[in-house]
C-alpha cells in the first residue's frame, strides 16, 4: 500500500476564491441574483455564444428549470439516455412526464441518434442529450431529427463546460443547455449550475420561475415598482457568495481545461499499448470535437476484470472508480417505468466494464505516470 493516496478529484481552488467569498460577505453581497451573479452570467453569455444565461443553485435545478419551460403535461415523453446521472431523468419525472430511455453509442457512450429517433412518438416533447465525459453528442444529427419532429433539445452539459462541437460550445447548441458547478466539475463553486438559452421566450419565463414564480427580476431591473406572484416556480437563485467563488473559477477556466486535457492525453498515450493488444478500450473523440478533460475512463472486458482492477488500484493508493449504474436497471426504472435488465445491452456493457482514473489540474505528471504504470502491471 502506497503511503500517499492519489485522490480521485480535487477542486482547483486557491486563495483567490477565499478572498472573493470573504469580499462578498464584507460587502453584504450574500443573496441571489446580485452583482456577482450578473457578472458570471455575462461571462457565460459572451464566452459560449448564448443570448442568455441564468445561474441556478445546481445543475439539477438548471435541468428542472429547462423542463418546466417546455410546459410538459402528465404523460408527455422526454427521451434521454439510461447511462446518465439520475438528475437527467428526475427533471422529467418532476414535471409528471415520462423519461423514455435510448441506447448509447458504443464509441462515445453518448445517446445514439438512431435509437433516439426510433423512440419518438406523438407524445414526445423533448430530448435531453448528455455529453458524457465532456465529449459532445452528435449534435448536428440530433438537432436535425428534433427539428424534423418538432421537439425541443435540452443539452445536459453537466460534464461539458468549455468543450466544443465543430467550434460550437456545448450547452449553447440546443434550445436550452444546463451546466453544473458541483465540486466534482471542472469549474466549481461547491454547488451551483446555469441554464443557457438564446430564446427570449424561454428566458423571460425562466426569470419568473427561478424567482419562485414572481416578477422579482423585473423589479430588480427597475422595470416595475413592486413584484408579485404571477406563475408557478421555485427557488433556484444562486447566492452571490457562491457566485463570487464561481467568478474566480471562470477567470481560470482555460487554465483548468488545458491542465485537464494534458493529463487526459498523458493517460491516453501511456495506455495505448494496452488498447493495441485489445486489453482495454480507450475513450473515442470524434473528429471536430474539442474535449475539456472532464473524465478519463477506459473499458475492460468484463465486470469481474473491472472490479479486480479497481480493487488493486485502490490497494496501490489510487482512488479509481466506476460510474453510472444504468437508470433502467434501477429500482425506479424497473418498478415504476417498467424496464428490465437487457433492454439496453450497450449501456449495461459500458456500465459494467468502465473504470475512471483520477484527473484534476493539480495531479502531477509523476502521479499520472504512477497510475499508468499501475494499470499496466494489473492488466498486462
Protein backbone atom coordinates (compact mmCIF):
# COMPACT_ATOMS: atom_id res chain seq x y z
CA UNK A 1 0.00 0.00 0.00
CA UNK A 2 1.37 3.40 -1.02
CA UNK A 3 1.69 5.88 1.85
CA UNK A 4 0.29 8.67 -0.31
CA UNK A 5 -3.26 8.33 -1.64
CA UNK A 6 -3.99 9.85 -5.03
CA UNK A 7 -7.47 11.33 -4.71
CA UNK A 8 -9.99 10.85 -7.47
CA UNK A 9 -10.78 14.56 -7.65
CA UNK A 10 -9.52 17.83 -6.20
CA UNK A 11 -11.16 21.17 -6.99
CA UNK A 12 -8.71 23.71 -8.40
CA UNK A 13 -9.20 26.20 -5.57
CA UNK A 14 -6.73 28.88 -4.49
CA UNK A 15 -6.67 31.85 -2.13
CA UNK A 16 -8.44 33.91 -4.82
CA UNK A 17 -11.70 32.06 -4.19
CA UNK A 18 -11.36 32.56 -0.42
CA UNK A 19 -10.75 36.28 -0.87
CA UNK A 20 -13.72 36.54 -3.21
CA UNK A 21 -16.11 34.85 -0.78
CA UNK A 22 -14.84 36.98 2.11
CA UNK A 23 -15.23 40.09 0.00
CA UNK A 24 -18.81 39.21 -0.89
CA UNK A 25 -19.64 38.77 2.80
CA UNK A 26 -17.94 42.06 3.76
CA UNK A 27 -19.94 43.85 1.08
CA UNK A 28 -23.14 42.09 2.25
CA UNK A 29 -23.49 40.59 -1.22
CA UNK A 30 -24.97 37.35 0.02
CA UNK A 31 -28.44 37.00 -1.53
CA UNK A 32 -29.03 35.67 -5.02
CA UNK A 33 -29.25 37.46 -8.34
CA UNK A 34 -26.80 40.15 -7.23
CA UNK A 35 -23.79 41.73 -8.95
CA UNK A 36 -21.57 38.64 -8.74
CA UNK A 37 -24.30 36.52 -10.30
CA UNK A 38 -24.77 39.09 -13.05
CA UNK A 39 -21.07 39.23 -13.82
CA UNK A 40 -20.85 35.44 -14.06
CA UNK A 41 -23.91 35.31 -16.29
CA UNK A 42 -22.41 37.95 -18.57
CA UNK A 43 -19.18 35.93 -18.88
CA UNK A 44 -21.12 32.75 -19.71
CA UNK A 45 -23.18 34.54 -22.37
CA UNK A 46 -20.21 36.16 -24.07
CA UNK A 47 -17.94 33.14 -23.87
CA UNK A 48 -20.36 30.47 -25.04
CA UNK A 49 -22.38 32.49 -27.53
CA UNK A 50 -25.71 32.19 -25.76
CA UNK A 51 -28.01 35.21 -25.59
CA UNK A 52 -28.99 34.41 -22.02
CA UNK A 53 -27.51 32.65 -19.01
CA UNK A 54 -29.12 32.27 -15.60
CA UNK A 55 -27.26 30.92 -12.57
CA UNK A 56 -29.07 28.28 -10.54
CA UNK A 57 -28.49 26.50 -7.25
CA UNK A 58 -27.36 23.30 -9.01
CA UNK A 59 -27.05 21.62 -12.38
CA UNK A 60 -30.05 19.53 -11.34
CA UNK A 61 -32.09 22.68 -10.87
CA UNK A 62 -30.94 24.03 -14.24
CA UNK A 63 -32.34 20.88 -15.85
CA UNK A 64 -35.54 21.09 -13.83
CA UNK A 65 -35.99 24.71 -14.86
CA UNK A 66 -35.47 23.82 -18.52
CA UNK A 67 -38.08 21.08 -18.38
CA UNK A 68 -40.51 23.45 -16.63
CA UNK A 69 -40.15 25.91 -19.51
CA UNK A 70 -41.15 23.34 -22.11
CA UNK A 71 -44.59 23.14 -20.49
CA UNK A 72 -44.73 19.38 -20.09
CA UNK A 73 -48.04 17.78 -19.21
CA UNK A 74 -48.64 14.47 -17.41
CA UNK A 75 -47.97 11.62 -19.81
CA UNK A 76 -45.71 13.64 -22.13
CA UNK A 77 -42.49 11.84 -23.04
CA UNK A 78 -38.89 13.05 -22.99
CA UNK A 79 -36.06 10.94 -24.41
CA UNK A 80 -32.72 10.65 -22.63
CA UNK A 81 -30.02 8.01 -22.17
CA UNK A 82 -30.20 5.50 -19.33
CA UNK A 83 -26.43 5.96 -18.98
CA UNK A 84 -26.56 9.21 -17.03
CA UNK A 85 -26.88 10.63 -13.53
CA UNK A 86 -30.36 10.45 -12.01
CA UNK A 87 -30.84 14.24 -12.26
CA UNK A 88 -31.42 13.94 -16.01
CA UNK A 89 -34.43 11.68 -15.53
CA UNK A 90 -35.63 13.30 -12.30
CA UNK A 91 -36.05 16.64 -14.07
CA UNK A 92 -38.51 14.88 -16.39
CA UNK A 93 -40.31 12.96 -13.65
CA UNK A 94 -40.80 16.09 -11.54
CA UNK A 95 -42.92 17.52 -14.36
CA UNK A 96 -45.12 14.37 -14.30
CA UNK A 97 -43.69 13.42 -17.69
CA UNK A 98 -42.22 10.06 -18.66
CA UNK A 99 -38.50 9.52 -19.28
CA UNK A 100 -38.03 7.30 -22.32
CA UNK A 101 -34.56 5.80 -22.41
CA UNK A 102 -32.47 5.36 -25.54
CA UNK A 103 -29.35 3.30 -26.19
CA UNK A 104 -25.85 4.82 -26.28
CA UNK A 105 -23.22 4.79 -29.00
CA UNK A 106 -20.55 2.16 -28.37
CA UNK A 107 -17.70 4.56 -29.19
CA UNK A 108 -18.59 7.77 -27.32
CA UNK A 109 -21.10 6.40 -24.77
CA UNK A 110 -23.39 9.28 -25.77
CA UNK A 111 -27.01 8.86 -26.85
CA UNK A 112 -27.37 7.02 -30.16
CA UNK A 113 -29.31 9.36 -32.51
CA UNK A 114 -30.69 6.43 -34.50
CA UNK A 115 -32.19 4.79 -31.42
CA UNK A 116 -33.34 8.19 -30.18
CA UNK A 117 -35.27 8.71 -33.38
CA UNK A 118 -36.90 5.27 -33.06
CA UNK A 119 -38.21 6.22 -29.62
CA UNK A 120 -40.01 9.37 -30.80
CA UNK A 121 -43.81 9.11 -30.63
CA UNK A 122 -46.69 11.58 -30.82
CA UNK A 123 -46.21 12.08 -27.06
CA UNK A 124 -42.55 13.09 -27.34
CA UNK A 125 -41.91 16.71 -26.38
CA UNK A 126 -38.13 16.86 -25.97
CA UNK A 127 -34.82 15.04 -25.97
CA UNK A 128 -32.05 15.50 -23.41
CA UNK A 129 -28.67 14.51 -24.88
CA UNK A 130 -25.96 14.04 -22.23
CA UNK A 131 -22.39 14.96 -23.24
CA UNK A 132 -20.65 12.15 -21.40
CA UNK A 133 -17.14 12.93 -20.11
CA UNK A 134 -17.19 16.29 -21.89
CA UNK A 135 -17.24 14.64 -25.33
CA UNK A 136 -20.04 16.07 -27.45
CA UNK A 137 -23.01 14.10 -28.70
CA UNK A 138 -23.66 14.16 -32.47
CA UNK A 139 -25.47 17.48 -32.19
CA UNK A 140 -25.94 18.10 -35.91
CA UNK A 141 -27.89 14.87 -36.30
CA UNK A 142 -29.77 15.29 -33.03
CA UNK A 143 -30.83 18.83 -33.95
CA UNK A 144 -31.85 17.71 -37.45
CA UNK A 145 -34.05 14.94 -36.06
CA UNK A 146 -35.52 17.20 -33.37
CA UNK A 147 -36.37 19.95 -35.84
CA UNK A 148 -37.97 17.46 -38.22
CA UNK A 149 -40.10 16.04 -35.41
CA UNK A 150 -40.86 19.39 -33.75
CA UNK A 151 -39.37 18.56 -30.36
CA UNK A 152 -37.13 20.60 -28.07
CA UNK A 153 -33.47 19.84 -27.34
CA UNK A 154 -32.17 20.39 -23.79
CA UNK A 155 -28.43 19.71 -23.51
CA UNK A 156 -27.29 18.11 -20.29
CA UNK A 157 -23.84 19.69 -20.36
CA UNK A 158 -23.01 18.95 -16.72
CA UNK A 159 -19.72 17.45 -17.94
CA UNK A 160 -19.31 19.77 -20.88
CA UNK A 161 -18.27 23.29 -19.89
CA UNK A 162 -15.68 24.77 -22.28
CA UNK A 163 -15.85 21.77 -24.63
CA UNK A 164 -16.84 22.26 -28.26
CA UNK A 165 -18.60 20.56 -31.14
CA UNK A 166 -17.31 21.78 -34.52
CA UNK A 167 -16.48 25.14 -32.96
CA UNK A 168 -19.75 25.50 -31.03
CA UNK A 169 -19.67 25.36 -27.24
CA UNK A 170 -21.65 22.61 -25.56
CA UNK A 171 -24.68 23.88 -23.71
CA UNK A 172 -25.33 26.60 -26.30
CA UNK A 173 -26.29 24.43 -29.28
CA UNK A 174 -29.76 23.16 -28.36
CA UNK A 175 -32.84 25.14 -27.34
CA UNK A 176 -31.51 25.14 -23.78
CA UNK A 177 -28.44 23.82 -22.00
CA UNK A 178 -27.58 23.05 -18.38
CA UNK A 179 -24.19 23.35 -16.69
CA UNK A 180 -23.16 22.04 -13.27
CA UNK A 181 -20.70 23.73 -10.93
CA UNK A 182 -20.65 20.91 -8.39
CA UNK A 183 -17.35 20.25 -6.60
CA UNK A 184 -16.62 17.34 -8.97
CA UNK A 185 -16.89 19.50 -12.10
CA UNK A 186 -14.13 21.34 -13.97
CA UNK A 187 -15.39 24.75 -12.85
CA UNK A 188 -16.93 24.79 -9.39
CA UNK A 189 -18.31 26.87 -6.56
CA UNK A 190 -19.15 23.81 -4.46
CA UNK A 191 -22.74 23.68 -5.65
CA UNK A 192 -24.40 25.59 -8.45
CA UNK A 193 -25.43 25.45 -12.07
CA UNK A 194 -26.53 27.53 -15.03
CA UNK A 195 -29.24 27.49 -17.66
CA UNK A 196 -28.31 28.76 -21.13
CA UNK A 197 -30.73 29.69 -23.89
CA UNK A 198 -30.90 32.04 -26.84
CA UNK A 199 -34.70 32.08 -26.75
CA UNK A 200 -36.17 35.28 -25.38
CA UNK A 201 -39.42 33.49 -24.52
CA UNK A 202 -37.67 30.79 -22.51
CA UNK A 203 -35.52 33.40 -20.77
CA UNK A 204 -38.49 35.56 -19.77
CA UNK A 205 -40.28 32.53 -18.32
CA UNK A 206 -37.12 31.29 -16.61
CA UNK A 207 -36.56 34.57 -14.78
CA UNK A 208 -40.03 34.22 -13.25
CA UNK A 209 -39.89 30.52 -12.43
CA UNK A 210 -36.38 30.81 -10.96
CA UNK A 211 -37.64 33.57 -8.61
CA UNK A 212 -40.40 31.49 -7.00
CA UNK A 213 -42.94 32.38 -9.69
CA UNK A 214 -42.60 36.13 -9.11
CA UNK A 215 -41.52 39.01 -11.32
CA UNK A 216 -38.77 39.97 -8.84
CA UNK A 217 -36.16 40.01 -11.65
CA UNK A 218 -38.06 42.77 -13.40
CA UNK A 219 -38.28 44.65 -10.09
CA UNK A 220 -34.50 44.41 -9.58
CA UNK A 221 -34.01 45.81 -13.08
CA UNK A 222 -36.18 48.80 -12.18
CA UNK A 223 -38.85 47.82 -14.69
CA UNK A 224 -41.64 47.71 -12.08
CA UNK A 225 -42.09 49.35 -8.66
CA UNK A 226 -43.08 46.16 -6.82
CA UNK A 227 -43.16 42.48 -7.56
CA UNK A 228 -45.83 39.84 -7.13
CA UNK A 229 -46.66 36.16 -7.62
CA UNK A 230 -47.60 35.64 -11.27
CA UNK A 231 -46.79 31.98 -12.10
CA UNK A 232 -45.64 28.71 -10.60
CA UNK A 233 -41.93 28.38 -9.86
CA UNK A 234 -39.33 27.55 -7.27
CA UNK A 235 -36.27 28.99 -5.53
CA UNK A 236 -33.40 28.38 -7.94
CA UNK A 237 -31.35 31.57 -7.50
CA UNK A 238 -27.66 31.14 -6.62
CA UNK A 239 -26.26 33.04 -3.63
CA UNK A 240 -23.86 35.84 -4.53
CA UNK A 241 -21.33 34.31 -2.11
CA UNK A 242 -21.10 31.23 -4.32
CA UNK A 243 -21.20 33.38 -7.45
CA UNK A 244 -18.14 35.29 -6.19
CA UNK A 245 -16.27 31.98 -6.00
CA UNK A 246 -17.56 30.95 -9.41
CA UNK A 247 -16.34 34.22 -10.89
CA UNK A 248 -12.76 33.39 -9.89
CA UNK A 249 -13.15 29.90 -11.36
CA UNK A 250 -14.42 31.27 -14.66
CA UNK A 251 -11.37 33.54 -14.86
CA UNK A 252 -9.10 30.48 -14.90
CA UNK A 253 -11.39 28.19 -16.87
CA UNK A 254 -9.00 27.95 -19.82
CA UNK A 255 -6.11 27.13 -17.49
CA UNK A 256 -8.19 24.39 -15.82
CA UNK A 257 -9.23 22.98 -19.20
CA UNK A 258 -5.67 22.97 -20.52
CA UNK A 259 -4.28 21.16 -17.48
CA UNK A 260 -7.02 18.52 -17.55
CA UNK A 261 -6.58 17.90 -21.28
CA UNK A 262 -2.85 17.46 -20.76
CA UNK A 263 -3.48 14.72 -18.20
CA UNK A 264 -6.11 13.14 -20.45
CA UNK A 265 -3.62 12.91 -23.31
CA UNK A 266 -0.89 11.59 -21.00
CA UNK A 267 -3.18 8.77 -19.88
CA UNK A 268 -4.31 8.01 -23.41
CA UNK A 269 -0.80 7.86 -24.80
CA UNK A 270 0.52 5.90 -21.83
CA UNK A 271 -2.20 3.25 -22.06
CA UNK A 272 -2.26 2.96 -25.85
CA UNK A 273 -0.15 -0.20 -25.70
CA UNK A 274 -2.94 -1.94 -23.75
CA UNK A 275 -5.51 -0.82 -26.28
CA UNK A 276 -3.34 -2.04 -29.16
CA UNK A 277 -3.42 -5.52 -27.62
CA UNK A 278 -7.21 -5.45 -27.13
CA UNK A 279 -6.85 -5.46 -23.33
CA UNK A 280 -8.71 -2.16 -22.88
CA UNK A 281 -10.82 0.25 -24.92
CA UNK A 282 -9.74 3.88 -24.70
CA UNK A 283 -12.07 6.90 -24.99
CA UNK A 284 -13.02 7.85 -28.54
CA UNK A 285 -13.02 11.52 -29.53
CA UNK A 286 -14.67 12.05 -32.93
CA UNK A 287 -13.25 14.49 -35.47
CA UNK A 288 -14.30 18.08 -34.85
CA UNK A 289 -14.73 17.56 -31.10
CA UNK A 290 -12.70 19.64 -28.65
CA UNK A 291 -12.76 18.00 -25.22
CA UNK A 292 -12.38 19.58 -21.79
CA UNK A 293 -10.68 16.67 -19.99
CA UNK A 294 -13.53 16.25 -17.53
CA UNK A 295 -13.24 12.46 -17.25
CA UNK A 296 -10.67 9.91 -18.29
CA UNK A 297 -12.00 6.40 -18.47
CA UNK A 298 -11.19 3.13 -20.15
CA UNK A 299 -13.15 -0.07 -20.54
CA UNK A 300 -12.02 -3.61 -19.81
CA UNK A 301 -13.52 -6.88 -21.00
CA UNK A 302 -15.72 -7.94 -18.08
CA UNK A 303 -17.29 -6.77 -14.84
CA UNK A 304 -15.06 -9.13 -12.89
CA UNK A 305 -11.98 -7.61 -14.51
CA UNK A 306 -13.26 -4.11 -13.75
CA UNK A 307 -13.83 -4.88 -10.07
CA UNK A 308 -10.45 -6.57 -9.75
CA UNK A 309 -8.62 -3.68 -11.41
CA UNK A 310 -10.34 -1.04 -9.27
CA UNK A 311 -9.62 -3.01 -6.10
CA UNK A 312 -5.93 -3.37 -6.95
CA UNK A 313 -5.61 0.29 -7.91
CA UNK A 314 -7.11 1.27 -4.57
CA UNK A 315 -4.71 -1.07 -2.80
CA UNK A 316 -1.96 0.92 -4.52
CA UNK A 317 -3.39 4.18 -3.15
CA UNK A 318 -5.19 5.22 -6.36
CA UNK A 319 -8.81 6.26 -5.98
CA UNK A 320 -10.10 4.81 -9.25
CA UNK A 321 -13.83 4.19 -9.56
CA UNK A 322 -16.64 3.08 -11.88
CA UNK A 323 -19.53 5.29 -12.99
CA UNK A 324 -23.26 5.29 -13.68
CA UNK A 325 -25.47 2.35 -12.80
CA UNK A 326 -27.95 2.34 -15.73
CA UNK A 327 -31.19 4.05 -14.76
CA UNK A 328 -33.31 1.41 -16.49
CA UNK A 329 -31.91 -1.28 -14.15
CA UNK A 330 -32.53 0.79 -11.00
CA UNK A 331 -35.47 0.01 -8.70
CA UNK A 332 -37.36 3.06 -10.00
CA UNK A 333 -36.56 2.22 -13.62
CA UNK A 334 -37.84 -1.33 -13.19
CA UNK A 335 -40.76 -0.92 -10.79
CA UNK A 336 -42.18 2.40 -11.98
CA UNK A 337 -41.05 2.74 -15.60
CA UNK A 338 -41.23 -0.97 -16.45
CA UNK A 339 -37.74 -1.51 -17.82
CA UNK A 340 -35.75 -4.70 -17.42
CA UNK A 341 -32.07 -5.67 -17.44
CA UNK A 342 -31.15 -6.49 -21.03
CA UNK A 343 -33.23 -3.69 -22.56
CA UNK A 344 -30.08 -1.66 -23.40
CA UNK A 345 -27.13 -4.04 -23.89
CA UNK A 346 -24.53 -1.38 -24.77
CA UNK A 347 -25.47 0.74 -21.79
CA UNK A 348 -25.17 -2.24 -19.47
CA UNK A 349 -21.85 -3.32 -21.02
CA UNK A 350 -20.36 0.16 -20.65
CA UNK A 351 -21.52 0.46 -17.07
CA UNK A 352 -20.13 -2.90 -16.03
CA UNK A 353 -16.72 -2.52 -17.68
CA UNK A 354 -15.82 1.17 -17.26
CA UNK A 355 -13.03 2.44 -14.98
CA UNK A 356 -12.39 6.12 -14.26
CA UNK A 357 -8.95 7.36 -13.25
CA UNK A 358 -8.11 10.42 -11.13
CA UNK A 359 -7.99 13.57 -13.22
CA UNK A 360 -7.71 17.15 -11.96
CA UNK A 361 -5.44 20.14 -12.65
CA UNK A 362 -3.24 19.55 -9.60
CA UNK A 363 -2.43 15.94 -10.50
CA UNK A 364 1.33 15.79 -11.04
CA UNK A 365 2.98 14.16 -14.02
CA UNK A 366 4.75 11.69 -11.72
CA UNK A 367 1.44 10.67 -10.13
CA UNK A 368 -0.14 10.26 -13.57
CA UNK A 369 2.78 8.08 -14.64
CA UNK A 370 2.46 6.02 -11.44
CA UNK A 371 -1.21 5.44 -12.25
CA UNK A 372 -0.39 4.43 -15.83
CA UNK A 373 2.30 2.01 -14.65
CA UNK A 374 -0.07 0.56 -12.04
CA UNK A 375 -2.79 -0.09 -14.63
CA UNK A 376 -0.23 -1.80 -16.90
CA UNK A 377 1.03 -4.03 -14.09
CA UNK A 378 -2.50 -5.10 -13.22
CA UNK A 379 -3.75 -5.76 -16.76
CA UNK A 380 -0.70 -6.93 -18.69
